[in-house]
Amino acid sequence: MKAWQYLVTVVLGAACLILAIVVIKTGKSNQGLQGELQQQQAVLQQLQAEINNTQRVMQMGNNILQDMVIVAARSDKMHKLLANNGYNIQFQAAPPAAANGTSTSKKGGTP
């Protein structure tokens, strides 16, 4: 083996060793970043679960409030309870039923 071939082989071997060390360090750094990312994802999943739970509770609260309004139409106590908690409910009178099942409104034009 000639001297220049030996020198090229040693330089290439050293370059491979240096690149291997760089790859190992980069891999360890990536593992650390993956760990941090997994922790952040766990926190986000927990927050999303809390948001979903809050939405379900709000929907239940709205449904209960609607039922309370229906009861308030028949119960003065419920109406007062809702008013005391800031829900001012006003009921509209039902429109009068048309005689003989015909409509009292006219649509444009004459027959």
C-alpha atoms as a PDB file:
ATOM      1  CA  MET A   1       0.000   0.000   0.000  1.00  0.00           C
ATOM      2  CA  LYS A   2       1.362   3.352  -0.936  1.00  0.00           C
ATOM      3  CA  ALA A   3       1.596   6.219   1.511  1.00  0.00           C
ATOM      4  CA  TRP A   4      -1.091   8.317  -0.109  1.00  0.00           C
ATOM      5  CA  GLN A   5      -3.544   5.355  -0.073  1.00  0.00           C
ATOM      6  CA  TYR A   6      -2.827   4.808   3.606  1.00  0.00           C
ATOM      7  CA  LEU A   7      -3.381   8.512   4.333  1.00  0.00           C
ATOM      8  CA  VAL A   8      -6.705   8.566   2.423  1.00  0.00           C
ATOM      9  CA  THR A   9      -7.869   5.447   4.290  1.00  0.00           C
ATOM     10  CA  VAL A  10      -6.988   6.943   7.693  1.00  0.00           C
ATOM     11  CA  VAL A  11      -8.698  10.243   6.837  1.00  0.00           C
ATOM     12  CA  LEU A  12     -11.857   8.464   5.607  1.00  0.00           C
ATOM     13  CA  GLY A  13     -11.884   6.239   8.705  1.00  0.00           C
ATOM     14  CA  ALA A  14     -11.566   9.278  10.970  1.00  0.00           C
ATOM     15  CA  ALA A  15     -14.366  11.033   9.066  1.00  0.00           C
ATOM     16  CA  CYS A  16     -16.606   7.984   9.517  1.00  0.00           C
ATOM     17  CA  LEU A  17     -15.834   7.904  13.244  1.00  0.00           C
ATOM     18  CA  ILE A  18     -16.634  11.615  13.613  1.00  0.00           C
ATOM     19  CA  LEU A  19     -19.883  11.246  11.656  1.00  0.00           C
ATOM     20  CA  ALA A  20     -20.886   8.251  13.785  1.00  0.00           C
ATOM     21  CA  ILE A  21     -20.369  10.299  16.953  1.00  0.00           C
ATOM     22  CA  VAL A  22     -22.433  13.159  15.489  1.00  0.00           C
ATOM     23  CA  VAL A  23     -25.264  10.762  14.583  1.00  0.00           C
ATOM     24  CA  ILE A  24     -25.289   9.270  18.100  1.00  0.00           C
ATOM     25  CA  LYS A  25     -25.407  12.709  19.753  1.00  0.00           C
ATOM     26  CA  THR A  26     -28.151  13.857  17.392  1.00  0.00           C
ATOM     27  CA  GLY A  27     -30.164  10.717  18.154  1.00  0.00           C
ATOM     28  CA  LYS A  28     -29.907  11.303  21.906  1.00  0.00           C
ATOM     29  CA  SER A  29     -30.935  14.917  21.428  1.00  0.00           C
ATOM     30  CA  ASN A  30     -33.951  13.776  19.395  1.00  0.00           C
ATOM     31  CA  GLN A  31     -34.953  11.353  22.150  1.00  0.00           C
ATOM     32  CA  GLY A  32     -34.964  14.218  24.654  1.00  0.00           C
ATOM     33  CA  LEU A  33     -37.113  16.323  22.335  1.00  0.00           C
ATOM     34  CA  GLN A  34     -39.502  13.420  21.823  1.00  0.00           C
ATOM     35  CA  GLY A  35     -39.897  13.096  25.592  1.00  0.00           C
ATOM     36  CA  GLU A  36     -40.749  16.786  25.898  1.00  0.00           C
ATOM     37  CA  LEU A  37     -43.196  16.511  23.013  1.00  0.00           C
ATOM     38  CA  GLN A  38     -44.935  13.531  24.614  1.00  0.00           C
ATOM     39  CA  GLN A  39     -45.314  15.487  27.865  1.00  0.00           C
ATOM     40  CA  GLN A  40     -46.832  18.417  25.986  1.00  0.00           C
ATOM     41  CA  GLN A  41     -49.193  16.087  24.132  1.00  0.00           C
ATOM     42  CA  ALA A  42     -50.305  14.537  27.433  1.00  0.00           C
ATOM     43  CA  VAL A  43     -51.055  18.003  28.825  1.00  0.00           C
ATOM     44  CA  LEU A  44     -52.990  18.928  25.670  1.00  0.00           C
ATOM     45  CA  GLN A  45     -55.006  15.703  25.836  1.00  0.00           C
ATOM     46  CA  GLN A  46     -55.883  16.424  29.454  1.00  0.00           C
ATOM     47  CA  LEU A  47     -56.962  19.968  28.556  1.00  0.00           C
ATOM     48  CA  GLN A  48     -59.046  18.656  25.662  1.00  0.00           C
ATOM     49  CA  ALA A  49     -60.748  16.175  27.992  1.00  0.00           C
ATOM     50  CA  GLU A  50     -61.535  19.017  30.416  1.00  0.00           C
ATOM     51  CA  ILE A  51     -62.937  21.123  27.562  1.00  0.00           C
ATOM     52  CA  ASN A  52     -65.129  18.240  26.392  1.00  0.00           C
ATOM     53  CA  ASN A  53     -66.338  17.662  29.949  1.00  0.00           C
ATOM     54  CA  THR A  54     -67.125  21.356  30.348  1.00  0.00           C
ATOM     55  CA  GLN A  55     -69.101  21.339  27.107  1.00  0.00           C
ATOM     56  CA  ARG A  56     -71.143  18.349  28.307  1.00  0.00           C
ATOM     57  CA  VAL A  57     -71.819  20.036  31.650  1.00  0.00           C
ATOM     58  CA  MET A  58     -72.857  23.261  29.912  1.00  0.00           C
ATOM     59  CA  GLN A  59     -75.243  21.335  27.652  1.00  0.00           C
ATOM     60  CA  MET A  60     -76.728  19.595  30.681  1.00  0.00           C
ATOM     61  CA  GLY A  61     -77.107  22.968  32.414  1.00  0.00           C
ATOM     62  CA  ASN A  62     -78.867  24.418  29.374  1.00  0.00           C
ATOM     63  CA  ASN A  63     -81.211  21.427  29.217  1.00  0.00           C
ATOM     64  CA  ILE A  64     -82.003  21.731  32.933  1.00  0.00           C
ATOM     65  CA  LEU A  65     -82.623  25.472  32.553  1.00  0.00           C
ATOM     66  CA  GLN A  66     -84.990  24.846  29.634  1.00  0.00           C
ATOM     67  CA  ASP A  67     -86.896  22.321  31.738  1.00  0.00           C
ATOM     68  CA  MET A  68     -87.042  24.821  34.605  1.00  0.00           C
ATOM     69  CA  VAL A  69     -88.523  27.430  32.252  1.00  0.00           C
ATOM     70  CA  ILE A  70     -91.200  24.947  31.201  1.00  0.00           C
ATOM     71  CA  VAL A  71     -92.027  24.317  34.855  1.00  0.00           C
ATOM     72  CA  ALA A  72     -91.980  28.065  35.553  1.00  0.00           C
ATOM     73  CA  ALA A  73     -94.870  28.485  33.121  1.00  0.00           C
ATOM     74  CA  ARG A  74     -97.025  26.543  35.602  1.00  0.00           C
ATOM     75  CA  SER A  75     -95.332  27.346  38.909  1.00  0.00           C
ATOM     76  CA  ASP A  76     -94.944  30.779  40.440  1.00  0.00           C
ATOM     77  CA  LYS A  77     -92.327  29.426  42.856  1.00  0.00           C
ATOM     78  CA  MET A  78     -90.108  28.290  39.991  1.00  0.00           C
ATOM     79  CA  HIS A  79     -90.682  31.581  38.168  1.00  0.00           C
ATOM     80  CA  LYS A  80     -89.589  33.511  41.297  1.00  0.00           C
ATOM     81  CA  LEU A  81     -86.589  31.217  41.783  1.00  0.00           C
ATOM     82  CA  LEU A  82     -85.411  31.864  38.227  1.00  0.00           C
ATOM     83  CA  ALA A  83     -86.035  35.614  38.593  1.00  0.00           C
ATOM     84  CA  ASN A  84     -84.018  35.691  41.830  1.00  0.00           C
ATOM     85  CA  ASN A  85     -81.088  34.140  39.948  1.00  0.00           C
ATOM     86  CA  GLY A  86     -81.156  36.634  37.083  1.00  0.00           C
ATOM     87  CA  TYR A  87     -83.364  34.794  34.597  1.00  0.00           C
ATOM     88  CA  ASN A  88     -86.228  37.106  33.729  1.00  0.00           C
ATOM     89  CA  ILE A  89     -88.710  35.025  31.785  1.00  0.00           C
ATOM     90  CA  GLN A  90     -91.643  36.505  29.916  1.00  0.00           C
ATOM     91  CA  PHE A  91     -94.226  34.205  28.405  1.00  0.00           C
ATOM     92  CA  GLN A  92     -96.076  35.118  25.243  1.00  0.00           C
ATOM     93  CA  ALA A  93     -99.748  34.424  24.935  1.00  0.00           C
ATOM     94  CA  ALA A  94    -100.567  31.681  22.494  1.00  0.00           C
ATOM     95  CA  PRO A  95    -102.093  32.968  19.236  1.00  0.00           C
ATOM     96  CA  PRO A  96    -105.851  32.395  19.005  1.00  0.00           C
ATOM     97  CA  ALA A  97    -106.882  29.299  17.064  1.00  0.00           C
ATOM     98  CA  ALA A  98    -108.580  30.004  13.747  1.00  0.00           C
ATOM     99  CA  ALA A  99    -112.252  29.062  13.431  1.00  0.00           C
ATOM    100  CA  ASN A 100    -113.040  25.989  11.322  1.00  0.00           C
ATOM    101  CA  GLY A 101    -109.358  25.304  10.891  1.00  0.00           C
ATOM    102  CA  THR A 102    -108.953  28.023   8.283  1.00  0.00           C
ATOM    103  CA  SER A 103    -106.229  30.592   8.283  1.00  0.00           C
ATOM    104  CA  THR A 104    -107.089  34.211   9.001  1.00  0.00           C
ATOM    105  CA  SER A 105    -104.225  35.544   6.902  1.00  0.00           C
ATOM    106  CA  LYS A 106    -104.624  36.200   3.225  1.00  0.00           C
ATOM    107  CA  LYS A 107    -102.027  35.491   0.682  1.00  0.00           C
ATOM    108  CA  GLY A 108    -101.570  38.054  -2.076  1.00  0.00           C
ATOM    109  CA  GLY A 109    -104.060  38.273  -4.917  1.00  0.00           C
ATOM    110  CA  THR A 110    -107.765  37.522  -5.277  1.00  0.00           C
ATOM    111  CA  PRO A 111    -109.141  34.197  -6.474  1.00  0.00           C
END
